[in-house]
Amino acid sequence: MALHRVLPQVVEVVRSSGGRLGQPEGYAEVMSELPTLKGESVDNDGRRAIRSDADFWRVGSIASGFSGDAGRRRLSLLIQSRLPSPAETIQF
């Protein structure tokens, strides 16, 4: 759901940078910073760990903690912070 919230921004960045909406490479480029998301998790034994890359997105890890509408909204804002804005990528 959080990714669906940022899709309009991703589409606009792909379009403004001259990419084709039917080509996955444009989306991958725009979203290339998502693996840099990270957060701290605490396991059942109280051990803390920083989760990033694929571990950030795993079930039961950081991203799954953003539950409910408010959590999904916060996660989408976190994702948007890693995306370029369409204005930064406009090609004339």
PDB file of N, CA and C in Angstrom:
ATOM      1  N   MET A   1       0.815  -1.192   0.000  1.00  0.00           N
ATOM      2  CA  MET A   1       0.000   0.000   0.000  1.00  0.00           C
ATOM      3  C   MET A   1       0.864   1.263   0.000  1.00  0.00           C
ATOM      4  N   ALA A   2       1.961   1.221   0.751  1.00  0.00           N
ATOM      5  CA  ALA A   2       2.827   2.405   0.805  1.00  0.00           C
ATOM      6  C   ALA A   2       3.442   2.687  -0.567  1.00  0.00           C
ATOM      7  N   LEU A   3       3.792   1.636  -1.288  1.00  0.00           N
ATOM      8  CA  LEU A   3       4.356   1.829  -2.630  1.00  0.00           C
ATOM      9  C   LEU A   3       3.305   2.374  -3.591  1.00  0.00           C
ATOM     10  N   HIS A   4       2.056   1.966  -3.411  1.00  0.00           N
ATOM     11  CA  HIS A   4       0.993   2.510  -4.251  1.00  0.00           C
ATOM     12  C   HIS A   4       0.819   4.010  -4.007  1.00  0.00           C
ATOM     13  N   ARG A   5       1.040   4.450  -2.778  1.00  0.00           N
ATOM     14  CA  ARG A   5       0.910   5.878  -2.464  1.00  0.00           C
ATOM     15  C   ARG A   5       1.977   6.720  -3.164  1.00  0.00           C
ATOM     16  N   VAL A   6       3.151   6.149  -3.395  1.00  0.00           N
ATOM     17  CA  VAL A   6       4.228   6.924  -4.027  1.00  0.00           C
ATOM     18  C   VAL A   6       4.282   6.725  -5.537  1.00  0.00           C
ATOM     19  N   LEU A   7       3.472   5.802  -6.063  1.00  0.00           N
ATOM     20  CA  LEU A   7       3.502   5.534  -7.502  1.00  0.00           C
ATOM     21  C   LEU A   7       3.284   6.788  -8.350  1.00  0.00           C
ATOM     22  N   PRO A   8       2.342   7.680  -8.020  1.00  0.00           N
ATOM     23  CA  PRO A   8       2.196   8.886  -8.856  1.00  0.00           C
ATOM     24  C   PRO A   8       3.480   9.702  -8.958  1.00  0.00           C
ATOM     25  N   GLN A   9       4.216   9.843  -7.863  1.00  0.00           N
ATOM     26  CA  GLN A   9       5.477  10.583  -7.905  1.00  0.00           C
ATOM     27  C   GLN A   9       6.497   9.838  -8.761  1.00  0.00           C
ATOM     28  N   VAL A  10       6.564   8.527  -8.628  1.00  0.00           N
ATOM     29  CA  VAL A  10       7.506   7.724  -9.413  1.00  0.00           C
ATOM     30  C   VAL A  10       7.196   7.874 -10.899  1.00  0.00           C
ATOM     31  N   VAL A  11       5.925   7.776 -11.262  1.00  0.00           N
ATOM     32  CA  VAL A  11       5.520   7.915 -12.665  1.00  0.00           C
ATOM     33  C   VAL A  11       5.912   9.290 -13.199  1.00  0.00           C
ATOM     34  N   GLU A  12       5.679  10.336 -12.429  1.00  0.00           N
ATOM     35  CA  GLU A  12       6.033  11.686 -12.883  1.00  0.00           C
ATOM     36  C   GLU A  12       7.535  11.850 -13.044  1.00  0.00           C
ATOM     37  N   VAL A  13       8.311  11.254 -12.178  1.00  0.00           N
ATOM     38  CA  VAL A  13       9.773  11.338 -12.308  1.00  0.00           C
ATOM     39  C   VAL A  13      10.222  10.588 -13.555  1.00  0.00           C
ATOM     40  N   VAL A  14       9.673   9.406 -13.784  1.00  0.00           N
ATOM     41  CA  VAL A  14      10.023   8.636 -14.982  1.00  0.00           C
ATOM     42  C   VAL A  14       9.688   9.456 -16.225  1.00  0.00           C
ATOM     43  N   ARG A  15       8.488  10.026 -16.267  1.00  0.00           N
ATOM     44  CA  ARG A  15       8.074  10.831 -17.428  1.00  0.00           C
ATOM     45  C   ARG A  15       8.936  12.078 -17.597  1.00  0.00           C
ATOM     46  N   SER A  16       9.199  12.797 -16.501  1.00  0.00           N
ATOM     47  CA  SER A  16       9.952  14.045 -16.611  1.00  0.00           C
ATOM     48  C   SER A  16      11.412  13.826 -16.981  1.00  0.00           C
ATOM     49  N   SER A  17      11.916  12.629 -16.717  1.00  0.00           N
ATOM     50  CA  SER A  17      13.309  12.339 -17.074  1.00  0.00           C
ATOM     51  C   SER A  17      13.427  11.714 -18.457  1.00  0.00           C
ATOM     52  N   GLY A  18      12.303  11.637 -19.162  1.00  0.00           N
ATOM     53  CA  GLY A  18      12.330  11.119 -20.526  1.00  0.00           C
ATOM     54  C   GLY A  18      12.170   9.618 -20.635  1.00  0.00           C
ATOM     55  N   GLY A  19      11.877   8.962 -19.529  1.00  0.00           N
ATOM     56  CA  GLY A  19      11.711   7.516 -19.552  1.00  0.00           C
ATOM     57  C   GLY A  19      10.365   7.111 -20.120  1.00  0.00           C
ATOM     58  N   ARG A  20      10.270   5.857 -20.502  1.00  0.00           N
ATOM     59  CA  ARG A  20       9.021   5.315 -21.037  1.00  0.00           C
ATOM     60  C   ARG A  20       8.312   4.556 -19.920  1.00  0.00           C
ATOM     61  N   LEU A  21       7.029   4.805 -19.758  1.00  0.00           N
ATOM     62  CA  LEU A  21       6.276   4.205 -18.662  1.00  0.00           C
ATOM     63  C   LEU A  21       6.157   2.694 -18.783  1.00  0.00           C
ATOM     64  N   GLY A  22       6.325   2.142 -19.955  1.00  0.00           N
ATOM     65  CA  GLY A  22       6.241   0.705 -20.144  1.00  0.00           C
ATOM     66  C   GLY A  22       7.554  -0.028 -19.935  1.00  0.00           C
ATOM     67  N   GLN A  23       8.598   0.692 -19.603  1.00  0.00           N
ATOM     68  CA  GLN A  23       9.923   0.088 -19.429  1.00  0.00           C
ATOM     69  C   GLN A  23      10.306   0.046 -17.947  1.00  0.00           C
ATOM     70  N   PRO A  24      10.567  -1.131 -17.399  1.00  0.00           N
ATOM     71  CA  PRO A  24      10.875  -1.240 -15.964  1.00  0.00           C
ATOM     72  C   PRO A  24      12.171  -0.554 -15.540  1.00  0.00           C
ATOM     73  N   GLU A  25      13.084  -0.342 -16.468  1.00  0.00           N
ATOM     74  CA  GLU A  25      14.365   0.276 -16.103  1.00  0.00           C
ATOM     75  C   GLU A  25      14.178   1.676 -15.516  1.00  0.00           C
ATOM     76  N   GLY A  26      13.222   2.430 -16.059  1.00  0.00           N
ATOM     77  CA  GLY A  26      12.964   3.778 -15.552  1.00  0.00           C
ATOM     78  C   GLY A  26      12.507   3.765 -14.106  1.00  0.00           C
ATOM     79  N   TYR A  27      11.630   2.824 -13.775  1.00  0.00           N
ATOM     80  CA  TYR A  27      11.143   2.707 -12.406  1.00  0.00           C
ATOM     81  C   TYR A  27      12.273   2.278 -11.471  1.00  0.00           C
ATOM     82  N   ALA A  28      13.081   1.332 -11.927  1.00  0.00           N
ATOM     83  CA  ALA A  28      14.197   0.852 -11.111  1.00  0.00           C
ATOM     84  C   ALA A  28      15.177   1.971 -10.812  1.00  0.00           C
ATOM     85  N   GLU A  29      15.423   2.817 -11.805  1.00  0.00           N
ATOM     86  CA  GLU A  29      16.343   3.937 -11.594  1.00  0.00           C
ATOM     87  C   GLU A  29      15.781   4.918 -10.573  1.00  0.00           C
ATOM     88  N   VAL A  30      14.513   5.254 -10.709  1.00  0.00           N
ATOM     89  CA  VAL A  30      13.890   6.211  -9.787  1.00  0.00           C
ATOM     90  C   VAL A  30      13.881   5.664  -8.363  1.00  0.00           C
ATOM     91  N   MET A  31      13.674   4.379  -8.225  1.00  0.00           N
ATOM     92  CA  MET A  31      13.550   3.783  -6.897  1.00  0.00           C
ATOM     93  C   MET A  31      14.849   3.158  -6.399  1.00  0.00           C
ATOM     94  N   SER A  32      15.949   3.477  -7.026  1.00  0.00           N
ATOM     95  CA  SER A  32      17.235   2.856  -6.690  1.00  0.00           C
ATOM     96  C   SER A  32      17.706   3.143  -5.270  1.00  0.00           C
ATOM     97  N   GLU A  33      17.200   4.192  -4.646  1.00  0.00           N
ATOM     98  CA  GLU A  33      17.639   4.535  -3.289  1.00  0.00           C
ATOM     99  C   GLU A  33      16.865   3.783  -2.203  1.00  0.00           C
ATOM    100  N   LEU A  34      15.824   3.048  -2.570  1.00  0.00           N
ATOM    101  CA  LEU A  34      15.033   2.356  -1.548  1.00  0.00           C
ATOM    102  C   LEU A  34      15.836   1.355  -0.717  1.00  0.00           C
ATOM    103  N   PRO A  35      16.827   0.673  -1.289  1.00  0.00           N
ATOM    104  CA  PRO A  35      17.620  -0.216  -0.439  1.00  0.00           C
ATOM    105  C   PRO A  35      18.407   0.508   0.654  1.00  0.00           C
ATOM    106  N   THR A  36      18.521   1.834   0.577  1.00  0.00           N
ATOM    107  CA  THR A  36      19.256   2.557   1.615  1.00  0.00           C
ATOM    108  C   THR A  36      18.401   2.819   2.850  1.00  0.00           C
ATOM    109  N   LEU A  37      17.110   2.479   2.781  1.00  0.00           N
ATOM    110  CA  LEU A  37      16.268   2.629   3.964  1.00  0.00           C
ATOM    111  C   LEU A  37      16.759   1.682   5.042  1.00  0.00           C
ATOM    112  N   LYS A  38      16.758   2.144   6.275  1.00  0.00           N
ATOM    113  CA  LYS A  38      17.174   1.278   7.375  1.00  0.00           C
ATOM    114  C   LYS A  38      16.456   1.683   8.645  1.00  0.00           C
ATOM    115  N   GLY A  39      16.436   0.794   9.575  1.00  0.00           N
ATOM    116  CA  GLY A  39      15.793   1.048  10.858  1.00  0.00           C
ATOM    117  C   GLY A  39      16.277   0.058  11.889  1.00  0.00           C
ATOM    118  N   GLU A  40      15.968   0.363  13.132  1.00  0.00           N
ATOM    119  CA  GLU A  40      16.407  -0.484  14.234  1.00  0.00           C
ATOM    120  C   GLU A  40      15.283  -1.431  14.633  1.00  0.00           C
ATOM    121  N   SER A  41      15.637  -2.678  14.857  1.00  0.00           N
ATOM    122  CA  SER A  41      14.661  -3.661  15.335  1.00  0.00           C
ATOM    123  C   SER A  41      15.169  -4.249  16.647  1.00  0.00           C
ATOM    124  N   VAL A  42      14.227  -4.767  17.410  1.00  0.00           N
ATOM    125  CA  VAL A  42      14.556  -5.427  18.679  1.00  0.00           C
ATOM    126  C   VAL A  42      13.919  -6.809  18.631  1.00  0.00           C
ATOM    127  N   ASP A  43      14.726  -7.852  18.850  1.00  0.00           N
ATOM    128  CA  ASP A  43      14.173  -9.208  18.800  1.00  0.00           C
ATOM    129  C   ASP A  43      13.559  -9.589  20.147  1.00  0.00           C
ATOM    130  N   ASN A  44      13.060 -10.795  20.250  1.00  0.00           N
ATOM    131  CA  ASN A  44      12.385 -11.251  21.467  1.00  0.00           C
ATOM    132  C   ASN A  44      13.302 -11.335  22.676  1.00  0.00           C
ATOM    133  N   ASP A  45      14.614 -11.395  22.440  1.00  0.00           N
ATOM    134  CA  ASP A  45      15.581 -11.438  23.540  1.00  0.00           C
ATOM    135  C   ASP A  45      16.092 -10.048  23.913  1.00  0.00           C
ATOM    136  N   GLY A  46      15.544  -9.019  23.277  1.00  0.00           N
ATOM    137  CA  GLY A  46      15.945  -7.645  23.593  1.00  0.00           C
ATOM    138  C   GLY A  46      17.185  -7.174  22.863  1.00  0.00           C
ATOM    139  N   ARG A  47      17.664  -7.960  21.902  1.00  0.00           N
ATOM    140  CA  ARG A  47      18.848  -7.550  21.144  1.00  0.00           C
ATOM    141  C   ARG A  47      18.439  -6.587  20.038  1.00  0.00           C
ATOM    142  N   ARG A  48      19.190  -5.518  19.919  1.00  0.00           N
ATOM    143  CA  ARG A  48      18.938  -4.523  18.883  1.00  0.00           C
ATOM    144  C   ARG A  48      19.773  -4.821  17.652  1.00  0.00           C
ATOM    145  N   ALA A  49      19.201  -4.503  16.510  1.00  0.00           N
ATOM    146  CA  ALA A  49      19.929  -4.680  15.250  1.00  0.00           C
ATOM    147  C   ALA A  49      19.433  -3.645  14.252  1.00  0.00           C
ATOM    148  N   ILE A  50      20.346  -3.171  13.438  1.00  0.00           N
ATOM    149  CA  ILE A  50      19.980  -2.266  12.354  1.00  0.00           C
ATOM    150  C   ILE A  50      19.661  -3.126  11.140  1.00  0.00           C
ATOM    151  N   ARG A  51      18.492  -2.917  10.578  1.00  0.00           N
ATOM    152  CA  ARG A  51      18.058  -3.663   9.393  1.00  0.00           C
ATOM    153  C   ARG A  51      18.072  -2.725   8.190  1.00  0.00           C
ATOM    154  N   SER A  52      18.665  -3.185   7.109  1.00  0.00           N
ATOM    155  CA  SER A  52      18.693  -2.408   5.870  1.00  0.00           C
ATOM    156  C   SER A  52      18.627  -3.382   4.698  1.00  0.00           C
ATOM    157  N   ASP A  53      18.695  -2.825   3.513  1.00  0.00           N
ATOM    158  CA  ASP A  53      18.622  -3.633   2.292  1.00  0.00           C
ATOM    159  C   ASP A  53      17.361  -4.497   2.311  1.00  0.00           C
ATOM    160  N   ALA A  54      17.471  -5.752   1.917  1.00  0.00           N
ATOM    161  CA  ALA A  54      16.306  -6.639   1.871  1.00  0.00           C
ATOM    162  C   ALA A  54      15.760  -6.929   3.265  1.00  0.00           C
ATOM    163  N   ASP A  55      16.624  -6.900   4.290  1.00  0.00           N
ATOM    164  CA  ASP A  55      16.162  -7.154   5.656  1.00  0.00           C
ATOM    165  C   ASP A  55      15.163  -6.106   6.126  1.00  0.00           C
ATOM    166  N   PHE A  56      15.255  -4.890   5.629  1.00  0.00           N
ATOM    167  CA  PHE A  56      14.303  -3.836   5.983  1.00  0.00           C
ATOM    168  C   PHE A  56      12.895  -4.231   5.566  1.00  0.00           C
ATOM    169  N   TRP A  57      12.775  -4.894   4.409  1.00  0.00           N
ATOM    170  CA  TRP A  57      11.478  -5.208   3.813  1.00  0.00           C
ATOM    171  C   TRP A  57      10.918  -6.569   4.213  1.00  0.00           C
ATOM    172  N   ARG A  58      11.687  -7.422   4.871  1.00  0.00           N
ATOM    173  CA  ARG A  58      11.232  -8.772   5.203  1.00  0.00           C
ATOM    174  C   ARG A  58      10.029  -8.744   6.148  1.00  0.00           C
ATOM    175  N   VAL A  59       9.191  -9.759   6.024  1.00  0.00           N
ATOM    176  CA  VAL A  59       8.052  -9.916   6.927  1.00  0.00           C
ATOM    177  C   VAL A  59       8.568  -9.983   8.356  1.00  0.00           C
ATOM    178  N   GLY A  60       7.958  -9.240   9.236  1.00  0.00           N
ATOM    179  CA  GLY A  60       8.373  -9.231  10.636  1.00  0.00           C
ATOM    180  C   GLY A  60       9.523  -8.291  10.929  1.00  0.00           C
ATOM    181  N   SER A  61      10.014  -7.570   9.932  1.00  0.00           N
ATOM    182  CA  SER A  61      11.118  -6.646  10.144  1.00  0.00           C
ATOM    183  C   SER A  61      10.585  -5.212  10.203  1.00  0.00           C
ATOM    184  N   ILE A  62      11.376  -4.260   9.808  1.00  0.00           N
ATOM    185  CA  ILE A  62      11.063  -2.849   9.982  1.00  0.00           C
ATOM    186  C   ILE A  62       9.834  -2.418   9.187  1.00  0.00           C
ATOM    187  N   ALA A  63       9.813  -2.663   7.895  1.00  0.00           N
ATOM    188  CA  ALA A  63       8.714  -2.180   7.052  1.00  0.00           C
ATOM    189  C   ALA A  63       7.368  -2.740   7.483  1.00  0.00           C
ATOM    190  N   SER A  64       7.341  -3.972   7.955  1.00  0.00           N
ATOM    191  CA  SER A  64       6.063  -4.556   8.365  1.00  0.00           C
ATOM    192  C   SER A  64       5.546  -3.929   9.655  1.00  0.00           C
ATOM    193  N   GLY A  65       6.377  -3.200  10.355  1.00  0.00           N
ATOM    194  CA  GLY A  65       5.949  -2.503  11.571  1.00  0.00           C
ATOM    195  C   GLY A  65       5.124  -1.259  11.289  1.00  0.00           C
ATOM    196  N   PHE A  66       5.084  -0.826  10.043  1.00  0.00           N
ATOM    197  CA  PHE A  66       4.294   0.340   9.666  1.00  0.00           C
ATOM    198  C   PHE A  66       2.881  -0.126   9.307  1.00  0.00           C
ATOM    199  N   SER A  67       2.142  -0.586  10.303  1.00  0.00           N
ATOM    200  CA  SER A  67       0.816  -1.131  10.033  1.00  0.00           C
ATOM    201  C   SER A  67      -0.258  -0.063  10.208  1.00  0.00           C
ATOM    202  N   GLY A  68      -1.430  -0.363   9.691  1.00  0.00           N
ATOM    203  CA  GLY A  68      -2.526   0.592   9.762  1.00  0.00           C
ATOM    204  C   GLY A  68      -2.316   1.729   8.786  1.00  0.00           C
ATOM    205  N   ASP A  69      -3.330   2.539   8.638  1.00  0.00           N
ATOM    206  CA  ASP A  69      -3.245   3.634   7.674  1.00  0.00           C
ATOM    207  C   ASP A  69      -2.171   4.644   8.059  1.00  0.00           C
ATOM    208  N   ALA A  70      -2.068   4.960   9.337  1.00  0.00           N
ATOM    209  CA  ALA A  70      -1.053   5.928   9.774  1.00  0.00           C
ATOM    210  C   ALA A  70       0.354   5.390   9.519  1.00  0.00           C
ATOM    211  N   GLY A  71       0.572   4.115   9.767  1.00  0.00           N
ATOM    212  CA  GLY A  71       1.883   3.515   9.516  1.00  0.00           C
ATOM    213  C   GLY A  71       2.229   3.488   8.047  1.00  0.00           C
ATOM    214  N   ARG A  72       1.244   3.138   7.218  1.00  0.00           N
ATOM    215  CA  ARG A  72       1.487   3.130   5.770  1.00  0.00           C
ATOM    216  C   ARG A  72       1.772   4.534   5.265  1.00  0.00           C
ATOM    217  N   ARG A  73       1.108   5.520   5.828  1.00  0.00           N
ATOM    218  CA  ARG A  73       1.365   6.909   5.437  1.00  0.00           C
ATOM    219  C   ARG A  73       2.801   7.310   5.824  1.00  0.00           C
ATOM    220  N   ARG A  74       3.227   6.923   7.027  1.00  0.00           N
ATOM    221  CA  ARG A  74       4.606   7.233   7.454  1.00  0.00           C
ATOM    222  C   ARG A  74       5.628   6.525   6.578  1.00  0.00           C
ATOM    223  N   LEU A  75       5.366   5.253   6.243  1.00  0.00           N
ATOM    224  CA  LEU A  75       6.292   4.518   5.380  1.00  0.00           C
ATOM    225  C   LEU A  75       6.345   5.148   3.997  1.00  0.00           C
ATOM    226  N   SER A  76       5.209   5.571   3.467  1.00  0.00           N
ATOM    227  CA  SER A  76       5.227   6.211   2.148  1.00  0.00           C
ATOM    228  C   SER A  76       6.004   7.516   2.187  1.00  0.00           C
ATOM    229  N   LEU A  77       5.913   8.264   3.280  1.00  0.00           N
ATOM    230  CA  LEU A  77       6.706   9.493   3.406  1.00  0.00           C
ATOM    231  C   LEU A  77       8.192   9.175   3.489  1.00  0.00           C
ATOM    232  N   LEU A  78       8.524   8.105   4.180  1.00  0.00           N
ATOM    233  CA  LEU A  78       9.919   7.669   4.259  1.00  0.00           C
ATOM    234  C   LEU A  78      10.440   7.281   2.881  1.00  0.00           C
ATOM    235  N   ILE A  79       9.614   6.572   2.112  1.00  0.00           N
ATOM    236  CA  ILE A  79       9.997   6.199   0.750  1.00  0.00           C
ATOM    237  C   ILE A  79      10.149   7.442  -0.117  1.00  0.00           C
ATOM    238  N   GLN A  80       9.193   8.370  -0.019  1.00  0.00           N
ATOM    239  CA  GLN A  80       9.263   9.598  -0.815  1.00  0.00           C
ATOM    240  C   GLN A  80      10.521  10.396  -0.530  1.00  0.00           C
ATOM    241  N   SER A  81      11.026  10.310   0.688  1.00  0.00           N
ATOM    242  CA  SER A  81      12.249  11.057   1.021  1.00  0.00           C
ATOM    243  C   SER A  81      13.453  10.542   0.248  1.00  0.00           C
ATOM    244  N   ARG A  82      13.368   9.335  -0.286  1.00  0.00           N
ATOM    245  CA  ARG A  82      14.460   8.747  -1.065  1.00  0.00           C
ATOM    246  C   ARG A  82      14.267   8.891  -2.570  1.00  0.00           C
ATOM    247  N   LEU A  83      13.145   9.477  -2.992  1.00  0.00           N
ATOM    248  CA  LEU A  83      12.856   9.627  -4.421  1.00  0.00           C
ATOM    249  C   LEU A  83      13.193  11.036  -4.885  1.00  0.00           C
ATOM    250  N   PRO A  84      13.664  11.163  -6.116  1.00  0.00           N
ATOM    251  CA  PRO A  84      13.855  12.507  -6.669  1.00  0.00           C
ATOM    252  C   PRO A  84      12.490  13.137  -6.941  1.00  0.00           C
ATOM    253  N   SER A  85      12.442  14.449  -6.964  1.00  0.00           N
ATOM    254  CA  SER A  85      11.182  15.099  -7.309  1.00  0.00           C
ATOM    255  C   SER A  85      11.126  15.250  -8.824  1.00  0.00           C
ATOM    256  N   PRO A  86       9.917  15.305  -9.385  1.00  0.00           N
ATOM    257  CA  PRO A  86       9.807  15.483 -10.839  1.00  0.00           C
ATOM    258  C   PRO A  86      10.497  16.770 -11.313  1.00  0.00           C
ATOM    259  N   ALA A  87      10.445  17.818 -10.527  1.00  0.00           N
ATOM    260  CA  ALA A  87      11.051  19.084 -10.925  1.00  0.00           C
ATOM    261  C   ALA A  87      12.578  18.967 -11.081  1.00  0.00           C
ATOM    262  N   GLU A  88      13.190  18.081 -10.311  1.00  0.00           N
ATOM    263  CA  GLU A  88      14.643  17.896 -10.390  1.00  0.00           C
ATOM    264  C   GLU A  88      15.066  17.150 -11.641  1.00  0.00           C
ATOM    265  N   THR A  89      14.136  16.463 -12.287  1.00  0.00           N
ATOM    266  CA  THR A  89      14.519  15.583 -13.381  1.00  0.00           C
ATOM    267  C   THR A  89      13.962  16.005 -14.747  1.00  0.00           C
ATOM    268  N   ILE A  90      13.302  17.154 -14.814  1.00  0.00           N
ATOM    269  CA  ILE A  90      12.695  17.575 -16.071  1.00  0.00           C
ATOM    270  C   ILE A  90      13.763  17.739 -17.141  1.00  0.00           C
ATOM    271  N   GLN A  91      13.506  17.120 -18.286  1.00  0.00           N
ATOM    272  CA  GLN A  91      14.397  17.250 -19.436  1.00  0.00           C
ATOM    273  C   GLN A  91      13.674  18.026 -20.513  1.00  0.00           C
ATOM    274  N   PHE A  92      14.317  19.047 -21.015  1.00  0.00           N
ATOM    275  CA  PHE A  92      13.722  19.875 -22.079  1.00  0.00           C
ATOM    276  C   PHE A  92      14.228  19.443 -23.430  1.00  0.00           C
TER     277      PHE A  92
END
